């Protein structure tokens, strides 16, 4: 019944910010390490849809 009404289940999806995309691209190009990439503020619980 809930699925028929469109009720969402599970954890909300994480929002991907421009800041995260920039850090990811810098990591992929070898400009920064993965640890420095992860040290950003984009892993907060508040950043969800």
N, C-alpha and C. Protein backbone atom coordinates (compact mmCIF):
# COMPACT_ATOMS: atom_id res chain seq x y z
N UNK A 1 0.82 -1.19 0.00
CA UNK A 1 0.00 0.00 0.00
C UNK A 1 0.87 1.26 0.00
N UNK A 2 1.91 1.26 0.81
CA UNK A 2 2.75 2.45 0.89
C UNK A 2 3.46 2.70 -0.44
N UNK A 3 3.93 1.65 -1.09
CA UNK A 3 4.60 1.81 -2.37
C UNK A 3 3.66 2.37 -3.43
N UNK A 4 2.41 1.99 -3.36
CA UNK A 4 1.41 2.50 -4.31
C UNK A 4 1.17 3.99 -4.11
N UNK A 5 1.34 4.46 -2.87
CA UNK A 5 1.14 5.88 -2.57
C UNK A 5 2.40 6.69 -2.82
N UNK A 6 3.53 6.02 -3.14
CA UNK A 6 4.76 6.73 -3.43
C UNK A 6 5.57 7.10 -2.19
N UNK A 7 5.40 6.37 -1.10
CA UNK A 7 6.15 6.64 0.12
C UNK A 7 7.60 6.20 -0.09
N UNK A 8 8.54 7.08 0.24
CA UNK A 8 9.95 6.78 0.06
C UNK A 8 10.46 5.91 1.20
N UNK A 9 11.29 4.93 0.87
CA UNK A 9 11.88 4.05 1.86
C UNK A 9 13.40 4.17 1.81
N UNK A 10 14.04 3.91 2.94
CA UNK A 10 15.49 3.86 2.99
C UNK A 10 16.13 5.21 3.29
N UNK A 11 17.43 5.20 3.24
CA UNK A 11 18.24 6.38 3.54
C UNK A 11 18.14 7.38 2.38
N UNK A 12 18.06 8.67 2.68
CA UNK A 12 18.03 9.66 1.61
C UNK A 12 19.35 9.67 0.85
N UNK A 13 19.31 10.00 -0.42
CA UNK A 13 20.52 10.05 -1.23
C UNK A 13 21.36 11.25 -0.86
N UNK A 14 22.67 11.07 -0.90
CA UNK A 14 23.59 12.16 -0.58
C UNK A 14 23.64 13.15 -1.73
N UNK A 15 23.75 14.42 -1.38
CA UNK A 15 23.84 15.47 -2.37
C UNK A 15 25.30 15.64 -2.78
N UNK A 16 25.56 15.70 -4.07
CA UNK A 16 26.92 15.91 -4.57
C UNK A 16 27.06 17.39 -4.91
N UNK A 17 27.93 18.08 -4.17
CA UNK A 17 28.11 19.51 -4.35
C UNK A 17 29.21 19.79 -5.36
N UNK A 18 29.28 21.02 -5.83
CA UNK A 18 30.33 21.44 -6.74
C UNK A 18 31.70 21.36 -6.06
N UNK A 19 31.73 21.67 -4.77
CA UNK A 19 32.98 21.60 -4.01
C UNK A 19 33.51 20.17 -4.00
N UNK A 20 32.62 19.21 -3.82
CA UNK A 20 33.03 17.81 -3.84
C UNK A 20 33.53 17.42 -5.23
N UNK A 21 32.82 17.82 -6.26
CA UNK A 21 33.23 17.50 -7.62
C UNK A 21 34.62 18.05 -7.93
N UNK A 22 34.89 19.28 -7.47
CA UNK A 22 36.20 19.89 -7.69
C UNK A 22 37.29 19.10 -6.96
N UNK A 23 37.03 18.72 -5.70
CA UNK A 23 38.00 17.96 -4.93
C UNK A 23 38.22 16.59 -5.56
N UNK A 24 37.17 15.97 -6.03
CA UNK A 24 37.28 14.66 -6.69
C UNK A 24 38.15 14.76 -7.93
N UNK A 25 37.91 15.77 -8.74
CA UNK A 25 38.70 15.94 -9.96
C UNK A 25 40.16 16.22 -9.65
N UNK A 26 40.44 17.00 -8.59
CA UNK A 26 41.82 17.25 -8.18
C UNK A 26 42.49 15.97 -7.71
N UNK A 27 41.74 15.10 -7.02
CA UNK A 27 42.28 13.82 -6.56
C UNK A 27 42.56 12.90 -7.75
N UNK A 28 41.62 12.83 -8.69
CA UNK A 28 41.80 11.96 -9.85
C UNK A 28 43.00 12.38 -10.69
N UNK A 29 43.28 13.67 -10.75
CA UNK A 29 44.40 14.15 -11.54
C UNK A 29 45.73 14.03 -10.80
N UNK A 30 45.69 13.63 -9.52
CA UNK A 30 46.90 13.44 -8.74
C UNK A 30 47.38 14.70 -8.03
N UNK A 31 46.57 15.75 -8.08
CA UNK A 31 46.94 17.03 -7.46
C UNK A 31 46.92 16.95 -5.94
N UNK A 32 45.97 16.18 -5.37
CA UNK A 32 45.88 16.00 -3.92
C UNK A 32 45.72 14.52 -3.62
N UNK A 33 45.97 14.15 -2.37
CA UNK A 33 45.82 12.75 -1.96
C UNK A 33 44.36 12.47 -1.60
N UNK A 34 44.04 11.19 -1.51
CA UNK A 34 42.68 10.80 -1.14
C UNK A 34 42.35 11.28 0.27
N UNK A 35 43.32 11.26 1.17
CA UNK A 35 43.08 11.72 2.55
C UNK A 35 42.72 13.20 2.56
N UNK A 36 43.42 14.00 1.78
CA UNK A 36 43.10 15.42 1.72
C UNK A 36 41.74 15.65 1.06
N UNK A 37 41.44 14.82 0.09
CA UNK A 37 40.13 14.93 -0.58
C UNK A 37 39.01 14.62 0.41
N UNK A 38 39.19 13.58 1.22
CA UNK A 38 38.16 13.17 2.18
C UNK A 38 38.04 14.14 3.34
N UNK A 39 39.07 14.92 3.62
CA UNK A 39 39.07 15.82 4.77
C UNK A 39 38.14 17.02 4.58
N UNK A 40 37.47 17.11 3.45
CA UNK A 40 36.55 18.22 3.21
C UNK A 40 35.29 18.13 4.04
N UNK A 41 34.41 19.09 3.90
CA UNK A 41 33.18 19.17 4.70
C UNK A 41 31.99 18.50 4.04
N UNK A 42 32.19 17.75 2.98
CA UNK A 42 31.05 17.19 2.25
C UNK A 42 30.59 15.85 2.79
N UNK A 43 31.10 15.38 3.91
CA UNK A 43 30.65 14.10 4.46
C UNK A 43 29.67 14.30 5.63
N UNK A 44 29.08 15.48 5.75
CA UNK A 44 28.13 15.75 6.82
C UNK A 44 26.78 15.11 6.53
N UNK A 45 26.06 14.75 7.56
CA UNK A 45 24.73 14.17 7.41
C UNK A 45 23.73 15.20 6.88
N UNK A 46 24.02 16.48 7.07
CA UNK A 46 23.09 17.53 6.64
C UNK A 46 23.02 17.64 5.12
N UNK A 47 24.02 17.12 4.42
CA UNK A 47 24.08 17.25 2.98
C UNK A 47 23.32 16.14 2.28
N UNK A 48 22.04 16.05 2.52
CA UNK A 48 21.22 15.03 1.87
C UNK A 48 20.03 15.70 1.19
N UNK A 49 19.49 15.01 0.24
CA UNK A 49 18.32 15.54 -0.47
C UNK A 49 17.08 15.47 0.38
